[in-house]
Amino acid sequence: MTELTNQPKSSEFEREPVPQSKLKGWRSFLGMYAGEHAAGTEFMIGPLFLTAGVSAFDLIVGLLLGNLLAVLSWRYLTAEIAIKRRLTLYYQLEQISGKKLVVIYNLANGLLFCFLAGAMVTVSATAVGIPFDMPMPRLTDNLPNGPLWIVVVILLGAMISVIAAKGYNTVSKAANWMSPVIVIGFIAAGIVALGQLEVHSWADFWNIWGEGTDPFPGQLKYTFWHVLMWSWLCNAAMHIGMSDLSVFRFAKSATSGWTTAAGMYVGHYVAWISACLLYAVYLKSPEAIQFLADGEAPPVAPGPLAYNALGAFGIIVVILAGWTTANPTIYRAGLAFQAIMPRLSTFWVTIIAGSVATIAGVFPGVAMKLLGFVALYGFILSPIGAVIVFDHFFKNKVDGRTGSEFNMAVFIAWVVSFVLFYWMSVQFDIFLSFLTIPAWLLCGVLYLVIAKNRKS
């Protein structure tokens, strides 16, 4: 008898281990991580560090060490677990916590990734709008500033969503093609900006930030520890939060985890600093000086910043940069939604994710507040990754899997760790990234303790 099904067979292996024949070498991941992390977020984050008043030491040394901690997290946690089980985060979590509980997590995960992808659509739109003399969003803007902005964002979002919906192979190929152009663009922009800033020595370079300044109006002051912890944990959802299990399950070995260094040091180091230099050039302009004289923060619009340095090539770089971040982010969001709606194909749930991201991109507020948003989404999502980590390394001592559709041990551990430390952040005005690791550890420990007591 032939088995009939309305569910199309997918090549993404959402609910089964990736077979040996589909594994990929380190080069596949190198291009993806270099492209994703030398990308649209960098054009926003670099300038935002200047608005936070960082000093030269805080920025240069803080980023060096924070990015190293991120690489180590990917290599020795995410990649190690990924090659052992070769399952997506969402399916592993379903096996541990049950279908009903994982729906809550997947919904939060998918939506937060959609908002992040939407911010990157915003970044690309600032470049597309230059030839049309489109008004750019300001640092305090939350709503779209005109119909042209809305049209540009919708067209960009549609194109990005279709590529993401084609699956991991297409996302990887797009990143490999675009990332060299973007990296060259960031380096070229940094060199041009150094010339515009009349930097002729290391001392001149250091003095761009010097001992730091007061933060811009409405911005938080960043110290060395803010930079280190934020740069380590800005991708917490992906490494200690285990989201990139969905990516590294395709790796032949855990050593592919080292390829994240391409993203961290080309993107989160060179590209952030290059983008920071572009904004430093803008801050010397009469327009920016007038904003500051009026007590307002000058706008951060990546398109015009890159255009000022590289002309038309700068426009292309910003468009591609936003694209290569939004692409894998929408792909991840699609996998999260697919776990909620398994009867839909990965293609269509990714189109849904892309549509949500496009709507979010219409509103520039997320992009303009990217430092705070990224810290928040890592804080919300990363503790649940501790459940997978602790379950993996301590399974022989405590098996917390109940076989039920709602694992109360996971739920209590996640809610208590999240609520407790978020309350502390608000009550005592503590920088959220300082509390991400404590929340992660508490969630893992509580999961083991509650699971052990329920078994005894």
Protein backbone atom coordinates (compact mmCIF):
# COMPACT_ATOMS: atom_id res chain seq x y z
CA MET A 1 0.00 0.00 0.00
CA THR A 2 1.33 3.49 -0.88
CA GLU A 3 1.34 5.91 2.06
CA LEU A 4 -0.31 9.19 1.16
CA THR A 5 0.50 12.47 2.91
CA ASN A 6 -0.32 16.12 2.39
CA GLN A 7 2.93 17.17 3.98
CA PRO A 8 5.73 17.70 1.45
CA LYS A 9 9.04 16.06 2.21
CA SER A 10 11.59 18.69 3.19
CA SER A 11 15.33 18.67 2.60
CA GLU A 12 16.00 20.70 5.74
CA PHE A 13 15.72 17.74 8.20
CA GLU A 14 13.74 19.75 10.76
CA ARG A 15 12.64 16.68 12.74
CA GLU A 16 15.45 14.19 12.11
CA PRO A 17 19.27 14.10 12.32
CA VAL A 18 21.12 15.48 9.32
CA PRO A 19 22.44 12.45 7.37
CA GLN A 20 26.16 11.95 6.79
CA SER A 21 25.80 12.61 3.07
CA LYS A 22 24.55 16.16 3.71
CA LEU A 23 27.35 17.32 6.02
CA LYS A 24 29.38 20.36 5.03
CA GLY A 25 33.00 21.41 5.47
CA TRP A 26 34.23 24.48 7.33
CA ARG A 27 34.27 26.69 4.21
CA SER A 28 30.47 26.64 4.05
CA PHE A 29 30.26 28.10 7.57
CA LEU A 30 33.11 30.56 7.05
CA GLY A 31 31.24 32.40 4.33
CA MET A 32 27.97 32.38 6.22
CA TYR A 33 29.43 33.74 9.47
CA ALA A 34 31.66 36.30 7.75
CA GLY A 35 28.66 37.49 5.77
CA GLU A 36 26.19 37.48 8.64
CA HIS A 37 28.43 39.28 11.10
CA ALA A 38 30.13 41.71 8.72
CA ALA A 39 26.71 42.91 7.81
CA GLY A 40 23.85 45.28 8.41
CA THR A 41 23.97 45.29 12.20
CA GLU A 42 27.57 46.49 12.06
CA PHE A 43 26.56 49.69 10.27
CA MET A 44 24.22 50.45 13.19
CA ILE A 45 26.23 49.13 16.14
CA GLY A 46 29.53 50.87 15.33
CA PRO A 47 28.00 54.36 15.39
CA LEU A 48 25.89 53.54 18.44
CA PHE A 49 29.06 52.89 20.44
CA LEU A 50 30.04 56.50 19.78
CA THR A 51 26.63 57.69 20.98
CA ALA A 52 27.35 55.75 24.22
CA GLY A 53 30.53 57.78 24.84
CA VAL A 54 33.03 54.89 24.92
CA SER A 55 36.76 55.51 25.38
CA ALA A 56 39.42 54.14 23.02
CA PHE A 57 40.57 51.49 25.53
CA ASP A 58 37.02 50.42 26.36
CA LEU A 59 36.16 49.95 22.68
CA ILE A 60 39.34 48.38 21.28
CA VAL A 61 40.26 46.06 24.18
CA GLY A 62 36.69 45.37 25.28
CA LEU A 63 35.73 44.21 21.78
CA LEU A 64 38.88 42.11 21.47
CA LEU A 65 38.11 40.08 24.61
CA GLY A 66 34.33 40.02 24.30
CA ASN A 67 34.46 38.60 20.79
CA LEU A 68 36.95 35.94 21.92
CA LEU A 69 34.47 34.77 24.57
CA ALA A 70 31.77 34.57 21.90
CA VAL A 71 33.96 32.40 19.62
CA LEU A 72 34.79 30.06 22.50
CA SER A 73 31.08 29.75 23.35
CA TRP A 74 30.25 28.74 19.78
CA ARG A 75 33.15 26.32 19.48
CA TYR A 76 32.95 24.49 22.82
CA LEU A 77 29.21 24.59 23.50
CA THR A 78 27.11 25.05 20.37
CA ALA A 79 29.22 23.16 17.82
CA GLU A 80 30.07 20.33 20.26
CA ILE A 81 26.43 19.59 21.01
CA ALA A 82 25.34 20.14 17.41
CA ILE A 83 27.57 17.41 15.93
CA LYS A 84 26.57 14.91 18.63
CA ARG A 85 22.84 15.03 17.89
CA ARG A 86 22.56 16.88 14.55
CA LEU A 87 19.09 18.21 15.41
CA THR A 88 17.66 21.72 15.31
CA LEU A 89 17.34 23.63 18.56
CA TYR A 90 13.58 23.45 18.20
CA TYR A 91 13.31 19.70 17.86
CA GLN A 92 15.81 19.06 20.68
CA LEU A 93 13.88 21.39 22.93
CA GLU A 94 10.63 19.64 22.02
CA GLN A 95 12.15 16.29 23.07
CA ILE A 96 13.16 17.73 26.46
CA SER A 97 10.35 20.12 27.35
CA GLY A 98 7.38 18.71 25.44
CA LYS A 99 5.37 20.07 22.52
CA LYS A 100 3.15 22.46 24.45
CA LEU A 101 5.95 24.25 26.25
CA VAL A 102 8.16 24.48 23.18
CA VAL A 103 5.39 26.31 21.33
CA ILE A 104 5.79 29.24 23.74
CA TYR A 105 9.55 29.32 23.27
CA ASN A 106 9.41 28.93 19.50
CA LEU A 107 6.89 31.74 19.20
CA ALA A 108 9.09 34.10 21.27
CA ASN A 109 12.20 32.99 19.40
CA GLY A 110 10.67 33.37 15.96
CA LEU A 111 9.18 36.79 16.68
CA LEU A 112 12.40 38.19 18.17
CA PHE A 113 14.39 36.96 15.18
CA CYS A 114 11.82 38.58 12.91
CA PHE A 115 12.29 41.93 14.63
CA LEU A 116 16.07 41.63 14.32
CA ALA A 117 15.74 40.80 10.61
CA GLY A 118 13.36 43.72 10.26
CA ALA A 119 16.01 46.05 11.66
CA MET A 120 18.35 44.86 8.92
CA VAL A 121 15.74 45.56 6.26
CA THR A 122 15.66 49.06 7.76
CA VAL A 123 19.43 49.34 7.31
CA SER A 124 19.29 48.32 3.65
CA ALA A 125 16.41 50.73 3.05
CA THR A 126 18.56 53.70 4.15
CA ALA A 127 20.83 52.91 1.18
CA VAL A 128 18.10 52.23 -1.39
CA GLY A 129 16.49 55.56 -0.56
CA ILE A 130 19.55 57.70 -1.33
CA PRO A 131 18.98 58.05 -5.11
CA PHE A 132 15.39 59.10 -4.38
CA ASP A 133 16.44 61.70 -1.80
CA MET A 134 14.32 59.83 0.75
CA PRO A 135 14.19 61.36 4.26
CA MET A 136 16.11 59.13 6.66
CA PRO A 137 14.80 58.00 10.07
CA ARG A 138 16.27 59.79 13.08
CA LEU A 139 17.67 58.14 16.19
CA THR A 140 14.45 58.84 18.09
CA ASP A 141 12.06 57.75 15.31
CA ASN A 142 9.75 54.78 15.88
CA LEU A 143 7.23 55.28 13.06
CA PRO A 144 7.81 55.35 9.29
CA ASN A 145 8.54 58.83 8.00
CA GLY A 146 6.70 58.61 4.68
CA PRO A 147 5.10 56.41 2.00
CA LEU A 148 8.36 56.02 0.02
CA TRP A 149 10.02 54.50 3.08
CA ILE A 150 7.21 51.94 3.38
CA VAL A 151 7.38 50.96 -0.31
CA VAL A 152 11.18 50.52 -0.24
CA VAL A 153 11.07 48.36 2.89
CA ILE A 154 8.28 46.12 1.52
CA LEU A 155 10.12 45.48 -1.78
CA LEU A 156 13.39 44.70 -0.01
CA GLY A 157 11.69 42.47 2.55
CA ALA A 158 9.94 40.46 -0.18
CA MET A 159 13.19 39.75 -2.04
CA ILE A 160 15.08 38.77 1.12
CA SER A 161 12.25 36.50 2.29
CA VAL A 162 12.17 34.51 -0.96
CA ILE A 163 15.92 33.75 -0.77
CA ALA A 164 15.66 32.71 2.90
CA ALA A 165 12.70 30.46 2.06
CA LYS A 166 14.79 28.52 -0.47
CA GLY A 167 16.60 26.81 2.42
CA TYR A 168 20.04 26.54 4.02
CA ASN A 169 21.92 25.86 0.78
CA THR A 170 20.60 29.02 -0.85
CA VAL A 171 21.24 31.10 2.28
CA SER A 172 24.81 29.77 2.46
CA LYS A 173 25.48 30.40 -1.24
CA ALA A 174 24.12 33.95 -1.02
CA ALA A 175 26.36 34.67 1.98
CA ASN A 176 29.44 33.25 0.25
CA TRP A 177 28.80 35.46 -2.78
CA MET A 178 28.01 38.66 -0.90
CA SER A 179 30.41 38.51 2.07
CA PRO A 180 33.67 39.30 0.19
CA VAL A 181 32.07 42.43 -1.30
CA ILE A 182 30.86 43.53 2.13
CA VAL A 183 34.20 42.91 3.85
CA ILE A 184 36.03 44.89 1.15
CA GLY A 185 33.45 47.64 1.58
CA PHE A 186 33.92 47.88 5.34
CA ILE A 187 37.72 47.97 5.04
CA ALA A 188 37.60 50.55 2.25
CA ALA A 189 35.13 52.69 4.21
CA GLY A 190 37.37 52.58 7.28
CA ILE A 191 40.42 53.63 5.26
CA VAL A 192 38.57 56.49 3.59
CA ALA A 193 37.17 57.64 6.94
CA LEU A 194 40.68 57.64 8.45
CA GLY A 195 41.75 59.99 5.67
CA GLN A 196 38.72 62.22 6.20
CA LEU A 197 39.52 62.35 9.92
CA GLU A 198 43.18 63.20 9.11
CA VAL A 199 44.55 60.22 11.04
CA HIS A 200 48.30 59.90 10.43
CA SER A 201 49.43 58.00 13.52
CA TRP A 202 48.28 55.57 16.20
CA ALA A 203 47.87 58.54 18.56
CA ASP A 204 45.53 60.24 16.09
CA PHE A 205 43.51 57.03 15.80
CA TRP A 206 43.34 56.59 19.59
CA ASN A 207 42.24 60.21 20.06
CA ILE A 208 39.09 59.67 17.97
CA TRP A 209 37.62 58.18 21.16
CA GLY A 210 40.26 59.34 23.68
CA GLU A 211 39.06 59.01 27.26
CA GLY A 212 35.45 58.88 26.17
CA THR A 213 32.67 61.45 26.35
CA ASP A 214 29.29 61.87 27.92
CA PRO A 215 26.65 59.79 26.11
CA PHE A 216 24.39 61.48 23.59
CA PRO A 217 20.91 62.55 24.79
CA GLY A 218 18.81 59.49 25.64
CA GLN A 219 21.75 57.05 25.39
CA LEU A 220 23.40 54.89 28.10
CA LYS A 221 27.07 55.47 29.03
CA TYR A 222 29.21 52.40 28.13
CA THR A 223 32.36 51.43 30.07
CA PHE A 224 34.91 48.67 29.36
CA TRP A 225 32.68 46.09 31.06
CA HIS A 226 29.63 47.18 29.10
CA VAL A 227 31.54 46.72 25.83
CA LEU A 228 33.05 43.35 26.84
CA MET A 229 29.84 41.80 28.12
CA TRP A 230 27.66 43.22 25.37
CA SER A 231 29.99 42.07 22.57
CA TRP A 232 30.17 38.59 24.11
CA LEU A 233 26.44 38.26 24.63
CA CYS A 234 24.92 40.24 21.76
CA ASN A 235 24.65 36.84 20.03
CA ALA A 236 23.86 34.95 23.24
CA ALA A 237 20.69 33.47 21.76
CA MET A 238 22.79 31.89 19.00
CA HIS A 239 25.68 30.41 21.02
CA ILE A 240 24.87 29.83 24.71
CA GLY A 241 21.18 29.96 23.75
CA MET A 242 21.86 27.12 21.26
CA SER A 243 19.98 28.61 18.29
CA ASP A 244 22.93 27.82 16.03
CA LEU A 245 22.50 24.13 16.66
CA SER A 246 20.27 24.54 13.60
CA VAL A 247 23.32 25.68 11.60
CA PHE A 248 26.15 23.53 13.01
CA ARG A 249 24.12 20.31 12.77
CA PHE A 250 25.35 20.35 9.14
CA ALA A 251 29.04 20.52 10.22
CA LYS A 252 31.39 17.56 9.68
CA SER A 253 33.18 18.32 12.96
CA ALA A 254 33.02 20.70 15.91
CA THR A 255 36.12 22.51 14.65
CA SER A 256 33.79 24.32 12.24
CA GLY A 257 32.85 26.34 15.32
CA TRP A 258 36.11 28.26 14.92
CA THR A 259 34.76 29.78 11.69
CA THR A 260 32.68 32.12 13.86
CA ALA A 261 35.95 34.02 14.45
CA ALA A 262 35.59 35.32 10.87
CA GLY A 263 32.33 36.93 11.89
CA MET A 264 33.58 38.20 15.23
CA TYR A 265 36.89 39.72 14.16
CA VAL A 266 36.09 40.79 10.62
CA GLY A 267 32.57 41.85 11.53
CA HIS A 268 32.31 42.58 15.22
CA TYR A 269 35.76 44.14 15.36
CA VAL A 270 36.95 45.61 12.05
CA ALA A 271 33.47 46.40 10.75
CA TRP A 272 32.19 47.91 14.01
CA ILE A 273 35.25 50.15 14.25
CA SER A 274 35.02 51.09 10.55
CA ALA A 275 31.35 52.03 10.94
CA CYS A 276 32.27 53.97 14.06
CA LEU A 277 34.81 55.94 12.00
CA LEU A 278 32.16 56.74 9.38
CA TYR A 279 29.96 58.21 12.10
CA ALA A 280 32.91 60.14 13.57
CA VAL A 281 33.29 61.83 10.17
CA TYR A 282 29.59 62.74 10.16
CA LEU A 283 29.79 64.17 13.67
CA LYS A 284 32.17 66.85 12.36
CA SER A 285 29.59 68.03 9.82
CA PRO A 286 27.60 71.27 10.43
CA GLU A 287 24.36 69.26 10.49
CA ALA A 288 25.54 66.97 13.31
CA ILE A 289 27.04 69.86 15.27
CA GLN A 290 23.69 71.68 15.09
CA PHE A 291 21.84 68.59 16.36
CA LEU A 292 24.14 68.40 19.38
CA ALA A 293 23.85 72.16 19.99
CA ASP A 294 20.07 71.72 20.10
CA GLY A 295 20.43 68.90 22.66
CA GLU A 296 19.44 66.17 20.18
CA ALA A 297 21.28 63.01 19.12
CA PRO A 298 22.40 63.18 15.46
CA PRO A 299 20.73 60.52 13.29
CA VAL A 300 22.40 57.19 12.51
CA ALA A 301 21.61 56.31 8.88
CA PRO A 302 24.03 53.69 7.46
CA GLY A 303 23.23 54.43 3.80
CA PRO A 304 24.29 58.10 3.81
CA LEU A 305 27.32 57.32 6.03
CA ALA A 306 28.65 54.73 3.56
CA TYR A 307 27.73 56.87 0.55
CA ASN A 308 29.75 59.75 1.98
CA ALA A 309 32.83 57.52 2.04
CA LEU A 310 32.43 55.23 -0.98
CA GLY A 311 29.81 56.77 -3.24
CA ALA A 312 27.64 54.33 -5.19
CA PHE A 313 29.71 51.37 -3.99
CA GLY A 314 28.79 52.35 -0.43
CA ILE A 315 25.09 52.07 -1.33
CA ILE A 316 25.66 48.55 -2.70
CA VAL A 317 27.62 47.50 0.40
CA VAL A 318 24.90 48.66 2.81
CA ILE A 319 22.15 46.93 0.80
CA LEU A 320 24.08 43.64 0.73
CA ALA A 321 25.08 44.01 4.40
CA GLY A 322 21.49 44.29 5.57
CA TRP A 323 20.56 41.44 3.24
CA THR A 324 23.14 38.96 4.58
CA THR A 325 22.03 39.49 8.17
CA ALA A 326 18.32 39.35 7.45
CA ASN A 327 18.66 36.20 5.31
CA PRO A 328 19.88 33.66 7.92
CA THR A 329 17.87 35.39 10.65
CA ILE A 330 14.63 34.90 8.71
CA TYR A 331 15.73 31.31 8.00
CA ARG A 332 16.11 30.71 11.76
CA ALA A 333 12.75 32.33 12.45
CA GLY A 334 11.18 30.10 9.81
CA LEU A 335 12.53 27.00 11.55
CA ALA A 336 11.04 28.25 14.84
CA PHE A 337 7.62 28.72 13.25
CA GLN A 338 7.91 25.39 11.43
CA ALA A 339 8.24 23.66 14.79
CA ILE A 340 4.91 25.23 15.77
CA MET A 341 3.24 24.48 12.43
CA PRO A 342 4.87 21.23 11.25
CA ARG A 343 2.21 20.59 8.60
CA LEU A 344 3.36 23.66 6.68
CA SER A 345 6.47 23.36 4.53
CA THR A 346 9.63 25.17 5.59
CA PHE A 347 9.27 27.38 2.51
CA TRP A 348 5.90 28.79 3.55
CA VAL A 349 6.67 29.28 7.24
CA THR A 350 9.82 31.15 6.20
CA ILE A 351 7.70 33.35 3.92
CA ILE A 352 5.51 34.05 6.97
CA ALA A 353 8.60 34.92 9.02
CA GLY A 354 9.84 37.19 6.24
CA SER A 355 6.49 38.96 6.12
CA VAL A 356 6.60 39.65 9.86
CA ALA A 357 10.20 40.88 9.51
CA THR A 358 9.20 43.19 6.66
CA ILE A 359 6.38 44.71 8.72
CA ALA A 360 8.84 45.23 11.60
CA GLY A 361 11.30 46.87 9.19
CA VAL A 362 8.73 49.50 8.28
CA PHE A 363 9.09 50.82 11.83
CA PRO A 364 12.71 52.06 12.34
CA GLY A 365 12.56 52.08 16.16
CA VAL A 366 14.14 48.62 16.57
CA ALA A 367 17.14 49.52 14.39
CA MET A 368 17.63 52.86 16.15
CA LYS A 369 17.64 51.12 19.55
CA LEU A 370 19.59 48.09 18.41
CA LEU A 371 22.05 47.91 21.34
CA GLY A 372 19.23 47.62 23.86
CA PHE A 373 17.10 45.30 21.72
CA VAL A 374 19.93 42.84 21.05
CA ALA A 375 20.76 42.70 24.78
CA LEU A 376 17.09 42.01 25.56
CA TYR A 377 16.56 39.24 23.01
CA GLY A 378 19.74 37.47 24.14
CA PHE A 379 18.62 37.74 27.75
CA ILE A 380 15.17 36.30 27.01
CA LEU A 381 16.25 33.41 24.80
CA SER A 382 19.64 32.29 26.11
CA PRO A 383 18.51 30.76 29.46
CA ILE A 384 16.51 28.09 27.66
CA GLY A 385 19.73 27.10 25.92
CA ALA A 386 21.09 26.19 29.35
CA VAL A 387 18.44 23.47 29.55
CA ILE A 388 19.89 21.81 26.43
CA VAL A 389 23.49 22.26 27.64
CA PHE A 390 22.84 20.89 31.11
CA ASP A 391 20.70 18.07 29.72
CA HIS A 392 23.54 17.13 27.36
CA PHE A 393 26.40 17.18 29.87
CA PHE A 394 24.54 15.91 32.95
CA LYS A 395 22.10 13.46 31.38
CA ASN A 396 23.82 10.46 32.97
CA LYS A 397 23.28 11.97 36.44
CA VAL A 398 19.82 13.47 36.00
CA ASP A 399 17.44 12.67 33.16
CA GLY A 400 15.00 15.57 33.17
CA ARG A 401 12.91 14.31 30.26
CA THR A 402 9.43 13.40 31.46
CA GLY A 403 7.87 12.34 28.17
CA SER A 404 4.99 14.75 28.85
CA GLU A 405 3.89 17.55 26.55
CA PHE A 406 4.71 20.19 29.19
CA ASN A 407 7.88 19.70 31.26
CA MET A 408 7.28 21.71 34.43
CA ALA A 409 10.98 21.62 35.40
CA VAL A 410 11.92 23.50 32.23
CA PHE A 411 9.06 25.97 32.59
CA ILE A 412 9.82 26.85 36.22
CA ALA A 413 13.57 27.15 35.57
CA TRP A 414 13.07 29.47 32.60
CA VAL A 415 10.41 31.69 34.20
CA VAL A 416 12.17 32.03 37.57
CA SER A 417 15.56 32.87 36.03
CA PHE A 418 14.07 35.33 33.56
CA VAL A 419 11.73 37.12 35.98
CA LEU A 420 14.23 37.29 38.86
CA PHE A 421 17.09 38.83 36.92
CA TYR A 422 14.93 41.09 34.79
CA TRP A 423 13.41 42.43 38.01
CA MET A 424 16.91 43.04 39.34
CA SER A 425 17.85 44.92 36.15
CA VAL A 426 14.84 47.22 36.45
CA GLN A 427 14.87 47.58 40.25
CA PHE A 428 18.59 48.32 40.60
CA ASP A 429 19.23 49.80 37.14
CA ILE A 430 21.72 47.07 36.18
CA PHE A 431 22.87 46.73 32.56
CA LEU A 432 20.97 43.73 31.19
CA SER A 433 24.00 42.02 29.62
CA PHE A 434 25.61 41.83 33.10
CA LEU A 435 22.76 39.52 34.16
CA THR A 436 22.54 37.22 31.13
CA ILE A 437 25.14 34.69 32.34
CA PRO A 438 23.70 34.53 35.90
CA ALA A 439 20.21 33.95 34.43
CA TRP A 440 21.61 31.25 32.11
CA LEU A 441 23.38 29.42 34.93
CA LEU A 442 20.40 29.65 37.27
CA CYS A 443 18.08 28.23 34.61
CA GLY A 444 20.36 25.23 34.03
CA VAL A 445 20.85 24.52 37.73
CA LEU A 446 17.15 24.90 38.56
CA TYR A 447 16.28 22.53 35.72
CA LEU A 448 18.59 19.84 37.14
CA VAL A 449 17.46 20.33 40.75
CA ILE A 450 13.73 20.30 39.97
CA ALA A 451 14.08 17.37 37.55
CA LYS A 452 16.03 15.34 40.15
CA ASN A 453 13.45 16.00 42.86
CA ARG A 454 10.60 15.03 40.52
CA LYS A 455 12.35 11.74 39.73
CA SER A 456 13.06 10.88 43.38
